[in-house]
């Protein structure tokens, strides 16, 4: 008698796509150089409308901890959208968006998060890393740096409800613990900013 074939467990499309996205992300040396840990969770631990977020509590390298980007394995994105989403979270660290010295005084943290989301989106679109979930054409203000965007949004708060460039959800920040800005011990720097800058310089030198 022929043996019955063991039924193979069907892998959800969301799971396949996130794994493919991570693989594509890991092939990009500029992103891989930051050594940011990725942790997969599901809807039992993350809001079902949230694709990803980065938590600054894990970004104090000098205490032996690692940055942590949380990804929702139940959230359906294409592999290319996952590349964009993961890179977006990592660049919040590399661009110093959690750093006390960069966050404006008396900061409206929601606006700062939105401003940083716009700046990161602009960078990734120009670098052609993955596929964005929201078109940057929806925002027509300045994009020189995070502060110029933040100041513009302060004067045009109504725009904040017309688009969303983050990786979580409109009602959920994709930068966790932003209310606890990071300060660095004497002689220390933002590890991720340093690693990203070094990788970027090497990338440019290879092109030249």
N, C-alpha and C. Protein backbone atom coordinates (compact mmCIF):
# COMPACT_ATOMS: atom_id res chain seq x y z
N UNK A 1 0.84 -1.19 0.00
CA UNK A 1 0.00 0.00 0.00
C UNK A 1 0.89 1.25 0.00
N UNK A 2 0.55 2.13 -0.90
CA UNK A 2 1.33 3.37 -0.98
C UNK A 2 1.11 4.23 0.26
N UNK A 3 2.21 4.80 0.75
CA UNK A 3 2.09 5.67 1.93
C UNK A 3 1.44 7.00 1.56
N UNK A 4 0.61 7.46 2.46
CA UNK A 4 -0.03 8.76 2.22
C UNK A 4 1.01 9.87 2.36
N UNK A 5 0.97 10.82 1.47
CA UNK A 5 1.88 11.94 1.56
C UNK A 5 1.54 12.81 2.76
N UNK A 6 2.56 13.16 3.49
CA UNK A 6 2.35 14.03 4.64
C UNK A 6 1.95 15.42 4.17
N UNK A 7 0.86 15.89 4.69
CA UNK A 7 0.36 17.21 4.25
C UNK A 7 1.36 18.29 4.65
N UNK A 8 1.79 19.06 3.67
CA UNK A 8 2.73 20.14 3.93
C UNK A 8 1.99 21.35 4.48
N UNK A 9 2.59 21.94 5.47
CA UNK A 9 1.98 23.13 6.06
C UNK A 9 2.10 24.29 5.08
N UNK A 10 0.98 24.88 4.77
CA UNK A 10 0.97 25.99 3.82
C UNK A 10 1.48 27.26 4.49
N UNK A 11 2.48 27.85 3.87
CA UNK A 11 3.05 29.09 4.41
C UNK A 11 2.26 30.28 3.87
N UNK A 12 1.73 31.13 4.76
CA UNK A 12 0.95 32.29 4.32
C UNK A 12 1.78 33.20 3.40
N UNK A 13 1.10 33.86 2.48
CA UNK A 13 1.78 34.77 1.57
C UNK A 13 2.51 35.88 2.33
N UNK A 14 1.90 36.36 3.41
CA UNK A 14 2.53 37.42 4.19
C UNK A 14 3.88 36.97 4.74
N UNK A 15 3.95 35.69 5.17
CA UNK A 15 5.19 35.14 5.71
C UNK A 15 6.24 34.97 4.61
N UNK A 16 5.81 34.47 3.45
CA UNK A 16 6.73 34.32 2.32
C UNK A 16 7.32 35.67 1.92
N UNK A 17 6.45 36.67 1.82
CA UNK A 17 6.90 37.98 1.37
C UNK A 17 7.87 38.64 2.34
N UNK A 18 7.60 38.49 3.64
CA UNK A 18 8.47 39.14 4.62
C UNK A 18 9.85 38.47 4.62
N UNK A 19 9.89 37.16 4.44
CA UNK A 19 11.18 36.46 4.38
C UNK A 19 11.95 36.84 3.12
N UNK A 20 11.24 36.97 2.01
CA UNK A 20 11.89 37.40 0.77
C UNK A 20 12.38 38.84 0.89
N UNK A 21 11.57 39.67 1.56
CA UNK A 21 11.97 41.06 1.77
C UNK A 21 13.22 41.18 2.61
N UNK A 22 13.31 40.36 3.66
CA UNK A 22 14.50 40.37 4.52
C UNK A 22 15.73 39.93 3.72
N UNK A 23 15.55 38.92 2.88
CA UNK A 23 16.66 38.44 2.06
C UNK A 23 17.14 39.53 1.09
N UNK A 24 16.20 40.23 0.48
CA UNK A 24 16.56 41.32 -0.43
C UNK A 24 17.27 42.43 0.33
N UNK A 25 16.76 42.75 1.51
CA UNK A 25 17.37 43.78 2.35
C UNK A 25 18.81 43.41 2.69
N UNK A 26 19.04 42.15 3.03
CA UNK A 26 20.38 41.71 3.43
C UNK A 26 21.38 41.72 2.29
N UNK A 27 20.88 41.82 1.07
CA UNK A 27 21.77 41.90 -0.09
C UNK A 27 22.24 43.32 -0.37
N UNK A 28 21.70 44.29 0.38
CA UNK A 28 22.08 45.69 0.20
C UNK A 28 23.12 46.03 1.26
N UNK A 29 24.38 46.14 0.87
CA UNK A 29 25.48 46.31 1.83
C UNK A 29 25.32 47.56 2.67
N UNK A 30 24.77 48.61 2.11
CA UNK A 30 24.61 49.87 2.84
C UNK A 30 23.68 49.70 4.04
N UNK A 31 22.68 48.86 3.91
CA UNK A 31 21.74 48.61 5.00
C UNK A 31 22.26 47.53 5.94
N UNK A 32 22.86 46.52 5.36
CA UNK A 32 23.39 45.42 6.15
C UNK A 32 24.48 45.89 7.12
N UNK A 33 25.19 46.94 6.75
CA UNK A 33 26.31 47.43 7.54
C UNK A 33 25.92 47.93 8.92
N UNK A 34 24.65 48.27 9.12
CA UNK A 34 24.23 48.81 10.42
C UNK A 34 24.00 47.74 11.47
N UNK A 35 23.90 46.48 11.05
CA UNK A 35 23.73 45.36 11.98
C UNK A 35 22.52 45.55 12.92
N UNK A 36 21.43 45.97 12.37
CA UNK A 36 20.22 46.14 13.19
C UNK A 36 19.47 44.81 13.27
N UNK A 37 19.11 44.40 14.48
CA UNK A 37 18.39 43.14 14.66
C UNK A 37 16.93 43.30 14.26
N UNK A 38 16.42 42.29 13.56
CA UNK A 38 15.02 42.27 13.14
C UNK A 38 14.29 41.21 13.94
N UNK A 39 13.15 41.58 14.50
CA UNK A 39 12.37 40.62 15.29
C UNK A 39 10.97 40.51 14.70
N UNK A 40 10.58 39.29 14.34
CA UNK A 40 9.26 39.05 13.78
C UNK A 40 8.25 38.77 14.88
N UNK A 41 7.13 39.47 14.80
CA UNK A 41 6.03 39.25 15.72
C UNK A 41 4.76 39.06 14.90
N UNK A 42 3.64 38.84 15.59
CA UNK A 42 2.38 38.67 14.87
C UNK A 42 1.31 39.58 15.48
N UNK A 43 0.09 39.42 15.00
CA UNK A 43 -1.00 40.30 15.43
C UNK A 43 -1.33 40.19 16.92
N UNK A 44 -0.84 39.14 17.56
CA UNK A 44 -1.10 39.00 18.99
C UNK A 44 -0.24 39.98 19.80
N UNK A 45 0.85 40.45 19.21
CA UNK A 45 1.74 41.38 19.90
C UNK A 45 1.82 42.75 19.24
N UNK A 46 1.39 42.84 18.00
CA UNK A 46 1.41 44.11 17.27
C UNK A 46 0.03 44.42 16.73
N UNK A 47 -0.29 45.69 16.64
CA UNK A 47 -1.56 46.10 16.03
C UNK A 47 -1.62 45.55 14.61
N UNK A 48 -2.77 45.02 14.23
CA UNK A 48 -2.90 44.41 12.91
C UNK A 48 -2.69 45.40 11.77
N UNK A 49 -2.81 46.69 12.07
CA UNK A 49 -2.61 47.73 11.05
C UNK A 49 -1.17 48.24 11.02
N UNK A 50 -0.34 47.67 11.86
CA UNK A 50 1.06 48.12 11.97
C UNK A 50 1.98 47.14 11.27
N UNK A 51 2.78 47.62 10.33
CA UNK A 51 3.73 46.76 9.62
C UNK A 51 5.04 46.62 10.40
N UNK A 52 5.54 47.75 10.93
CA UNK A 52 6.83 47.71 11.61
C UNK A 52 7.06 48.96 12.44
N UNK A 53 7.98 48.85 13.40
CA UNK A 53 8.42 50.02 14.15
C UNK A 53 9.81 49.76 14.72
N UNK A 54 10.50 50.83 15.10
CA UNK A 54 11.82 50.71 15.70
C UNK A 54 11.75 51.25 17.12
N UNK A 55 12.37 50.52 18.05
CA UNK A 55 12.32 50.90 19.46
C UNK A 55 13.70 51.36 19.92
N UNK A 56 13.80 52.59 20.39
CA UNK A 56 15.09 53.16 20.78
C UNK A 56 15.65 52.54 22.05
N UNK A 57 14.85 51.82 22.79
CA UNK A 57 15.34 51.20 24.04
C UNK A 57 16.42 50.17 23.76
N UNK A 58 16.51 49.70 22.53
CA UNK A 58 17.49 48.67 22.18
C UNK A 58 18.69 49.26 21.45
N UNK A 59 18.80 50.57 21.40
CA UNK A 59 19.84 51.17 20.57
C UNK A 59 21.03 51.74 21.33
N UNK A 60 21.19 51.36 22.60
CA UNK A 60 22.34 51.83 23.38
C UNK A 60 23.47 50.82 23.29
N UNK A 61 24.24 50.88 22.25
CA UNK A 61 25.27 49.91 21.95
C UNK A 61 26.30 49.77 23.08
N UNK A 62 26.63 50.89 23.72
CA UNK A 62 27.69 50.82 24.73
C UNK A 62 27.26 50.05 25.98
N UNK A 63 25.98 49.73 26.09
CA UNK A 63 25.51 48.92 27.21
C UNK A 63 25.34 47.45 26.78
N UNK A 64 25.85 47.13 25.58
CA UNK A 64 25.79 45.76 25.11
C UNK A 64 24.47 45.36 24.51
N UNK A 65 23.60 46.30 24.26
CA UNK A 65 22.30 45.99 23.66
C UNK A 65 22.34 46.29 22.17
N UNK A 66 21.31 45.90 21.48
CA UNK A 66 21.24 46.12 20.04
C UNK A 66 19.96 46.85 19.68
N UNK A 67 20.02 47.54 18.55
CA UNK A 67 18.81 48.18 18.05
C UNK A 67 17.83 47.07 17.64
N UNK A 68 16.57 47.35 17.75
CA UNK A 68 15.58 46.32 17.43
C UNK A 68 14.49 46.90 16.55
N UNK A 69 14.29 46.29 15.41
CA UNK A 69 13.19 46.64 14.52
C UNK A 69 12.19 45.50 14.58
N UNK A 70 10.95 45.83 14.89
CA UNK A 70 9.90 44.81 15.02
C UNK A 70 9.06 44.79 13.74
N UNK A 71 8.88 43.59 13.19
CA UNK A 71 8.13 43.40 11.95
C UNK A 71 6.92 42.52 12.20
N UNK A 72 5.80 42.89 11.62
CA UNK A 72 4.56 42.12 11.77
C UNK A 72 4.45 41.10 10.65
N UNK A 73 4.68 39.83 11.00
CA UNK A 73 4.68 38.77 9.99
C UNK A 73 3.29 38.53 9.39
N UNK A 74 2.24 39.06 10.02
CA UNK A 74 0.88 38.90 9.49
C UNK A 74 0.48 40.04 8.56
N UNK A 75 1.33 41.06 8.46
CA UNK A 75 1.00 42.22 7.63
C UNK A 75 1.45 41.94 6.20
N UNK A 76 0.52 42.07 5.26
CA UNK A 76 0.81 41.72 3.87
C UNK A 76 1.41 42.90 3.09
N UNK A 77 2.67 42.74 2.74
CA UNK A 77 3.36 43.69 1.86
C UNK A 77 4.08 42.87 0.79
N UNK A 78 4.47 43.50 -0.29
CA UNK A 78 5.30 42.81 -1.27
C UNK A 78 6.73 42.76 -0.71
N UNK A 79 7.58 41.86 -1.21
CA UNK A 79 8.97 41.82 -0.75
C UNK A 79 9.67 43.16 -0.90
N UNK A 80 9.40 43.86 -1.99
CA UNK A 80 10.03 45.17 -2.23
C UNK A 80 9.54 46.22 -1.23
N UNK A 81 8.27 46.12 -0.85
CA UNK A 81 7.75 47.04 0.17
C UNK A 81 8.36 46.74 1.53
N UNK A 82 8.67 45.47 1.79
CA UNK A 82 9.33 45.13 3.06
C UNK A 82 10.75 45.69 3.11
N UNK A 83 11.45 45.67 1.98
CA UNK A 83 12.79 46.26 1.93
C UNK A 83 12.70 47.73 2.33
N UNK A 84 11.76 48.44 1.75
CA UNK A 84 11.57 49.86 2.03
C UNK A 84 11.21 50.06 3.50
N UNK A 85 10.32 49.24 4.01
CA UNK A 85 9.84 49.36 5.39
C UNK A 85 10.95 49.11 6.40
N UNK A 86 11.73 48.06 6.19
CA UNK A 86 12.83 47.75 7.10
C UNK A 86 13.87 48.86 7.07
N UNK A 87 14.24 49.28 5.87
CA UNK A 87 15.24 50.34 5.73
C UNK A 87 14.76 51.64 6.38
N UNK A 88 13.47 51.91 6.25
CA UNK A 88 12.89 53.12 6.85
C UNK A 88 13.14 53.13 8.37
N UNK A 89 12.84 52.02 9.01
CA UNK A 89 13.04 51.94 10.47
C UNK A 89 14.51 52.08 10.84
N UNK A 90 15.38 51.43 10.07
CA UNK A 90 16.81 51.49 10.36
C UNK A 90 17.37 52.90 10.22
N UNK A 91 16.87 53.63 9.23
CA UNK A 91 17.39 54.98 9.00
C UNK A 91 16.97 55.96 10.08
N UNK A 92 15.89 55.67 10.80
CA UNK A 92 15.56 56.52 11.95
C UNK A 92 16.72 56.49 12.94
N UNK A 93 17.38 55.35 13.06
CA UNK A 93 18.54 55.22 13.94
C UNK A 93 19.76 55.89 13.32
N UNK A 94 20.03 55.59 12.06
CA UNK A 94 21.22 56.10 11.39
C UNK A 94 21.21 57.62 11.22
N UNK A 95 20.02 58.19 11.07
CA UNK A 95 19.90 59.64 10.91
C UNK A 95 19.77 60.38 12.24
N UNK A 96 19.87 59.65 13.34
CA UNK A 96 19.85 60.28 14.65
C UNK A 96 18.52 60.85 15.08
N UNK A 97 17.44 60.28 14.60
CA UNK A 97 16.12 60.83 14.91
C UNK A 97 15.70 60.66 16.36
N UNK A 98 16.39 59.77 17.09
CA UNK A 98 16.13 59.59 18.51
C UNK A 98 17.10 60.40 19.39
N UNK A 99 18.07 61.04 18.76
CA UNK A 99 19.15 61.70 19.51
C UNK A 99 18.72 63.03 20.11
N UNK A 100 19.03 63.21 21.38
CA UNK A 100 18.63 64.42 22.10
C UNK A 100 19.18 65.68 21.43
N UNK A 101 20.39 65.61 20.90
CA UNK A 101 21.00 66.79 20.30
C UNK A 101 20.34 67.20 18.98
N UNK A 102 19.58 66.29 18.39
CA UNK A 102 18.94 66.59 17.11
C UNK A 102 17.47 66.98 17.25
N UNK A 103 16.81 66.46 18.28
CA UNK A 103 15.39 66.75 18.47
C UNK A 103 15.21 68.20 18.91
N UNK A 104 14.32 68.97 18.27
CA UNK A 104 14.12 70.38 18.62
C UNK A 104 13.66 70.56 20.07
N UNK A 105 13.96 71.72 20.64
CA UNK A 105 13.52 72.03 22.00
C UNK A 105 12.00 72.13 22.04
N UNK A 106 11.41 71.71 23.16
CA UNK A 106 9.95 71.76 23.32
C UNK A 106 9.24 71.10 22.12
N UNK A 107 9.76 69.98 21.75
CA UNK A 107 9.32 69.31 20.51
C UNK A 107 7.94 68.67 20.62
N UNK A 108 7.17 68.85 19.56
CA UNK A 108 5.93 68.11 19.37
C UNK A 108 6.36 66.78 18.75
N UNK A 109 6.40 65.73 19.54
CA UNK A 109 6.98 64.47 19.09
C UNK A 109 6.23 63.83 17.93
N UNK A 110 4.92 64.05 17.88
CA UNK A 110 4.16 63.50 16.75
C UNK A 110 4.60 64.16 15.45
N UNK A 111 4.75 65.48 15.47
CA UNK A 111 5.19 66.19 14.27
C UNK A 111 6.62 65.81 13.90
N UNK A 112 7.48 65.63 14.92
CA UNK A 112 8.86 65.26 14.67
C UNK A 112 8.92 63.88 14.00
N UNK A 113 8.11 62.94 14.48
CA UNK A 113 8.06 61.61 13.88
C UNK A 113 7.61 61.71 12.42
N UNK A 114 6.61 62.51 12.17
CA UNK A 114 6.11 62.67 10.79
C UNK A 114 7.17 63.32 9.91
N UNK A 115 7.85 64.34 10.43
CA UNK A 115 8.90 65.02 9.68
C UNK A 115 10.02 64.04 9.33
N UNK A 116 10.40 63.22 10.30
CA UNK A 116 11.45 62.24 10.07
C UNK A 116 11.01 61.19 9.06
N UNK A 117 9.73 60.80 9.11
CA UNK A 117 9.20 59.84 8.15
C UNK A 117 9.30 60.38 6.72
N UNK A 118 8.99 61.64 6.56
CA UNK A 118 9.05 62.27 5.23
C UNK A 118 10.49 62.32 4.74
N UNK A 119 11.40 62.70 5.63
CA UNK A 119 12.82 62.80 5.24
C UNK A 119 13.38 61.44 4.84
N UNK A 120 13.07 60.40 5.62
CA UNK A 120 13.54 59.05 5.32
C UNK A 120 12.95 58.57 4.00
N UNK A 121 11.66 58.82 3.80
CA UNK A 121 11.00 58.41 2.56
C UNK A 121 11.68 59.04 1.35
N UNK A 122 11.99 60.33 1.45
CA UNK A 122 12.68 61.03 0.36
C UNK A 122 14.02 60.36 0.05
N UNK A 123 14.77 60.06 1.08
CA UNK A 123 16.08 59.44 0.89
C UNK A 123 15.95 58.08 0.20
N UNK A 124 15.03 57.26 0.68
CA UNK A 124 14.87 55.92 0.13
C UNK A 124 14.36 55.93 -1.31
N UNK A 125 13.47 56.87 -1.60
CA UNK A 125 12.96 56.99 -2.97
C UNK A 125 14.09 57.37 -3.92
N UNK A 126 14.92 58.32 -3.50
CA UNK A 126 16.03 58.76 -4.34
C UNK A 126 17.09 57.67 -4.47
N UNK A 127 17.28 56.88 -3.40
CA UNK A 127 18.26 55.80 -3.43
C UNK A 127 17.73 54.56 -4.14
N UNK A 128 16.40 54.54 -4.38
CA UNK A 128 15.72 53.43 -5.04
C UNK A 128 15.88 52.13 -4.25
N UNK A 129 15.68 52.24 -2.94
CA UNK A 129 15.69 51.07 -2.07
C UNK A 129 14.26 50.61 -1.83
N UNK A 130 13.83 49.56 -2.52
CA UNK A 130 12.49 49.04 -2.30
C UNK A 130 11.40 49.91 -2.89
N UNK A 131 10.16 49.60 -2.48
CA UNK A 131 8.98 50.29 -3.00
C UNK A 131 8.21 50.95 -1.86
N UNK A 132 7.99 52.27 -1.93
CA UNK A 132 7.24 52.96 -0.87
C UNK A 132 5.76 52.61 -0.91
N UNK A 133 5.11 52.70 0.23
CA UNK A 133 3.67 52.43 0.30
C UNK A 133 2.84 53.68 0.07
N UNK A 134 3.48 54.84 0.14
CA UNK A 134 2.78 56.12 -0.03
C UNK A 134 3.62 57.02 -0.93
N UNK A 135 3.00 57.65 -1.91
CA UNK A 135 3.73 58.51 -2.84
C UNK A 135 4.17 59.81 -2.19
N UNK A 136 5.42 60.15 -2.37
CA UNK A 136 5.97 61.38 -1.80
C UNK A 136 5.35 62.62 -2.44
N UNK A 137 4.68 62.44 -3.56
CA UNK A 137 4.04 63.56 -4.25
C UNK A 137 2.92 64.17 -3.41
N UNK A 138 2.45 63.44 -2.41
CA UNK A 138 1.38 63.96 -1.54
C UNK A 138 1.89 65.08 -0.64
N UNK A 139 3.22 65.15 -0.48
CA UNK A 139 3.81 66.20 0.36
C UNK A 139 4.58 67.16 -0.54
N UNK A 140 4.25 68.44 -0.47
CA UNK A 140 4.87 69.43 -1.36
C UNK A 140 5.70 70.48 -0.63
N UNK A 141 5.95 70.25 0.67
CA UNK A 141 6.72 71.20 1.45
C UNK A 141 8.22 71.00 1.29
N UNK A 142 9.03 71.68 2.10
CA UNK A 142 10.49 71.56 2.03
C UNK A 142 10.96 70.18 2.45
N UNK A 143 12.10 69.75 1.92
CA UNK A 143 12.64 68.43 2.28
C UNK A 143 14.15 68.51 2.52
N UNK A 144 14.68 69.70 2.73
CA UNK A 144 16.13 69.88 2.91
C UNK A 144 16.66 69.03 4.07
N UNK A 145 15.98 69.10 5.19
CA UNK A 145 16.35 68.31 6.36
C UNK A 145 15.13 68.15 7.26
N UNK A 146 15.30 67.36 8.33
CA UNK A 146 14.18 67.07 9.21
C UNK A 146 13.62 68.33 9.88
N UNK A 147 14.51 69.25 10.27
CA UNK A 147 14.07 70.45 10.97
C UNK A 147 13.22 71.34 10.07
N UNK A 148 13.62 71.51 8.81
CA UNK A 148 12.84 72.35 7.90
C UNK A 148 11.45 71.74 7.67
N UNK A 149 11.39 70.43 7.60
CA UNK A 149 10.10 69.75 7.43
C UNK A 149 9.25 69.94 8.68
N UNK A 150 9.87 69.77 9.83
CA UNK A 150 9.17 69.91 11.12
C UNK A 150 8.59 71.31 11.26
N UNK A 151 9.37 72.32 10.96
CA UNK A 151 8.90 73.70 11.08
C UNK A 151 7.77 73.99 10.10
N UNK A 152 7.83 73.41 8.93
CA UNK A 152 6.77 73.57 7.94
C UNK A 152 5.47 72.93 8.45
N UNK A 153 5.60 71.74 9.03
CA UNK A 153 4.41 71.05 9.54
C UNK A 153 3.80 71.79 10.73
N UNK A 154 4.62 72.50 11.49
CA UNK A 154 4.10 73.29 12.60
C UNK A 154 3.14 74.36 12.09
N UNK A 155 3.43 74.88 10.90
CA UNK A 155 2.60 75.92 10.31
C UNK A 155 1.47 75.35 9.45
N UNK A 156 1.56 74.07 9.14
CA UNK A 156 0.54 73.43 8.28
C UNK A 156 0.12 72.10 8.88
N UNK A 157 -0.35 72.13 10.11
CA UNK A 157 -0.72 70.90 10.82
C UNK A 157 -1.83 70.12 10.14
N UNK A 158 -2.65 70.81 9.37
CA UNK A 158 -3.76 70.12 8.71
C UNK A 158 -3.27 69.07 7.71
N UNK A 159 -2.02 69.22 7.24
CA UNK A 159 -1.47 68.28 6.27
C UNK A 159 -1.21 66.91 6.89
N UNK A 160 -1.00 66.88 8.18
CA UNK A 160 -0.62 65.63 8.85
C UNK A 160 -1.71 64.56 8.78
N UNK A 161 -2.94 64.98 8.52
CA UNK A 161 -4.03 64.02 8.41
C UNK A 161 -4.33 63.64 6.97
N UNK A 162 -3.51 64.17 6.03
CA UNK A 162 -3.76 63.92 4.62
C UNK A 162 -2.81 62.89 4.01
N UNK A 163 -1.77 62.51 4.76
CA UNK A 163 -0.84 61.50 4.27
C UNK A 163 -0.21 60.78 5.45
N UNK A 164 0.42 59.63 5.15
CA UNK A 164 1.14 58.90 6.18
C UNK A 164 2.33 58.20 5.53
N UNK A 165 3.52 58.57 5.97
CA UNK A 165 4.73 58.01 5.40
C UNK A 165 5.46 57.06 6.35
N UNK A 166 4.87 56.79 7.51
CA UNK A 166 5.51 55.90 8.47
C UNK A 166 5.31 54.44 8.14
N UNK A 167 5.80 53.57 9.03
CA UNK A 167 5.70 52.13 8.79
C UNK A 167 4.73 51.45 9.74
N UNK A 168 4.18 52.20 10.69
CA UNK A 168 3.23 51.63 11.65
C UNK A 168 1.81 51.87 11.15
N UNK A 169 1.13 52.85 11.72
CA UNK A 169 -0.22 53.23 11.30
C UNK A 169 -0.41 54.69 11.69
N UNK A 170 -1.34 55.40 11.05
CA UNK A 170 -1.52 56.83 11.36
C UNK A 170 -1.67 57.14 12.84
N UNK A 171 -2.24 56.22 13.60
CA UNK A 171 -2.45 56.47 15.03
C UNK A 171 -1.36 55.83 15.89
N UNK A 172 -0.36 55.23 15.22
CA UNK A 172 0.72 54.56 15.94
C UNK A 172 2.07 55.08 15.45
N UNK A 173 2.91 55.61 16.33
CA UNK A 173 4.22 56.09 15.88
C UNK A 173 5.13 54.92 15.51
N UNK A 174 5.96 55.09 14.50
CA UNK A 174 6.89 54.01 14.15
C UNK A 174 8.24 54.20 14.85
N UNK A 175 8.32 55.24 15.71
CA UNK A 175 9.51 55.47 16.52
C UNK A 175 9.10 55.36 17.99
N UNK A 176 9.35 54.21 18.60
CA UNK A 176 8.96 53.97 19.98
C UNK A 176 9.97 54.57 20.96
N UNK A 177 9.45 55.12 22.06
CA UNK A 177 10.27 55.74 23.11
C UNK A 177 10.97 57.00 22.62
N UNK A 178 10.32 57.69 21.72
CA UNK A 178 10.85 58.97 21.24
C UNK A 178 10.84 60.00 22.37
N UNK A 179 10.02 59.76 23.38
CA UNK A 179 9.96 60.67 24.52
C UNK A 179 11.13 60.45 25.49
N UNK A 180 12.00 59.51 25.14
CA UNK A 180 13.20 59.26 25.94
C UNK A 180 14.42 59.41 25.02
N UNK A 181 14.76 60.66 24.64
CA UNK A 181 15.85 60.91 23.69
C UNK A 181 17.17 60.28 24.15
N UNK A 182 17.95 59.88 23.18
CA UNK A 182 19.23 59.24 23.46
C UNK A 182 20.34 60.27 23.61
N UNK A 183 21.09 60.14 24.69
CA UNK A 183 22.28 60.96 24.90
C UNK A 183 23.47 60.01 24.98
N UNK A 184 24.62 60.46 24.51
CA UNK A 184 25.77 59.58 24.41
C UNK A 184 26.87 59.95 25.41
N UNK A 185 27.49 58.95 26.02
CA UNK A 185 28.57 59.20 26.98
C UNK A 185 29.73 59.94 26.31
N UNK A 186 30.55 60.58 27.09
CA UNK A 186 31.70 61.32 26.58
C UNK A 186 32.55 60.42 25.69
N UNK A 187 32.81 60.89 24.49
CA UNK A 187 33.65 60.13 23.56
C UNK A 187 32.89 59.13 22.71
N UNK A 188 31.60 58.94 22.99
CA UNK A 188 30.79 58.00 22.22
C UNK A 188 29.97 58.74 21.16
N UNK A 189 29.60 58.03 20.10
CA UNK A 189 28.75 58.60 19.05
C UNK A 189 27.61 57.62 18.75
N UNK A 190 26.69 58.10 17.96
CA UNK A 190 25.61 57.24 17.48
C UNK A 190 26.22 56.14 16.61
N UNK A 191 26.23 54.93 17.13
CA UNK A 191 26.87 53.80 16.46
C UNK A 191 26.31 53.61 15.05
N UNK A 192 25.01 53.70 14.90
CA UNK A 192 24.38 53.43 13.62
C UNK A 192 24.66 54.52 12.60
N UNK A 193 24.76 55.75 13.07
CA UNK A 193 25.12 56.86 12.19
C UNK A 193 26.54 56.68 11.66
N UNK A 194 27.43 56.26 12.55
CA UNK A 194 28.82 56.04 12.16
C UNK A 194 28.93 54.90 11.15
N UNK A 195 28.28 53.78 11.45
CA UNK A 195 28.34 52.63 10.56
C UNK A 195 27.74 52.95 9.19
N UNK A 196 26.63 53.68 9.18
CA UNK A 196 25.98 54.02 7.92
C UNK A 196 26.84 54.97 7.11
N UNK A 197 27.43 55.96 7.77
CA UNK A 197 28.30 56.94 7.09
C UNK A 197 29.51 56.24 6.48
N UNK A 198 30.09 55.30 7.21
CA UNK A 198 31.24 54.56 6.69
C UNK A 198 30.86 53.73 5.47
N UNK A 199 29.72 53.05 5.56
CA UNK A 199 29.26 52.22 4.45
C UNK A 199 28.92 53.08 3.23
N UNK A 200 28.34 54.25 3.48
CA UNK A 200 27.98 55.16 2.39
C UNK A 200 29.24 55.67 1.69
N UNK A 201 30.25 56.02 2.49
CA UNK A 201 31.51 56.50 1.93
C UNK A 201 32.18 55.43 1.08
N UNK A 202 32.16 54.19 1.55
CA UNK A 202 32.75 53.09 0.80
C UNK A 202 31.99 52.84 -0.48
N UNK A 203 30.67 52.98 -0.42
CA UNK A 203 29.84 52.79 -1.61
C UNK A 203 30.15 53.84 -2.67
N UNK A 204 30.31 55.08 -2.24
CA UNK A 204 30.62 56.18 -3.15
C UNK A 204 32.01 55.99 -3.76
N UNK A 205 32.97 55.57 -2.94
CA UNK A 205 34.34 55.39 -3.42
C UNK A 205 34.42 54.28 -4.48
N UNK A 206 33.60 53.25 -4.33
CA UNK A 206 33.60 52.17 -5.31
C UNK A 206 33.04 52.65 -6.65
N UNK A 207 32.04 53.55 -6.57
CA UNK A 207 31.46 54.09 -7.80
C UNK A 207 32.44 54.99 -8.53
N UNK A 208 33.15 55.83 -7.74
CA UNK A 208 34.15 56.74 -8.30
C UNK A 208 35.35 55.96 -8.85
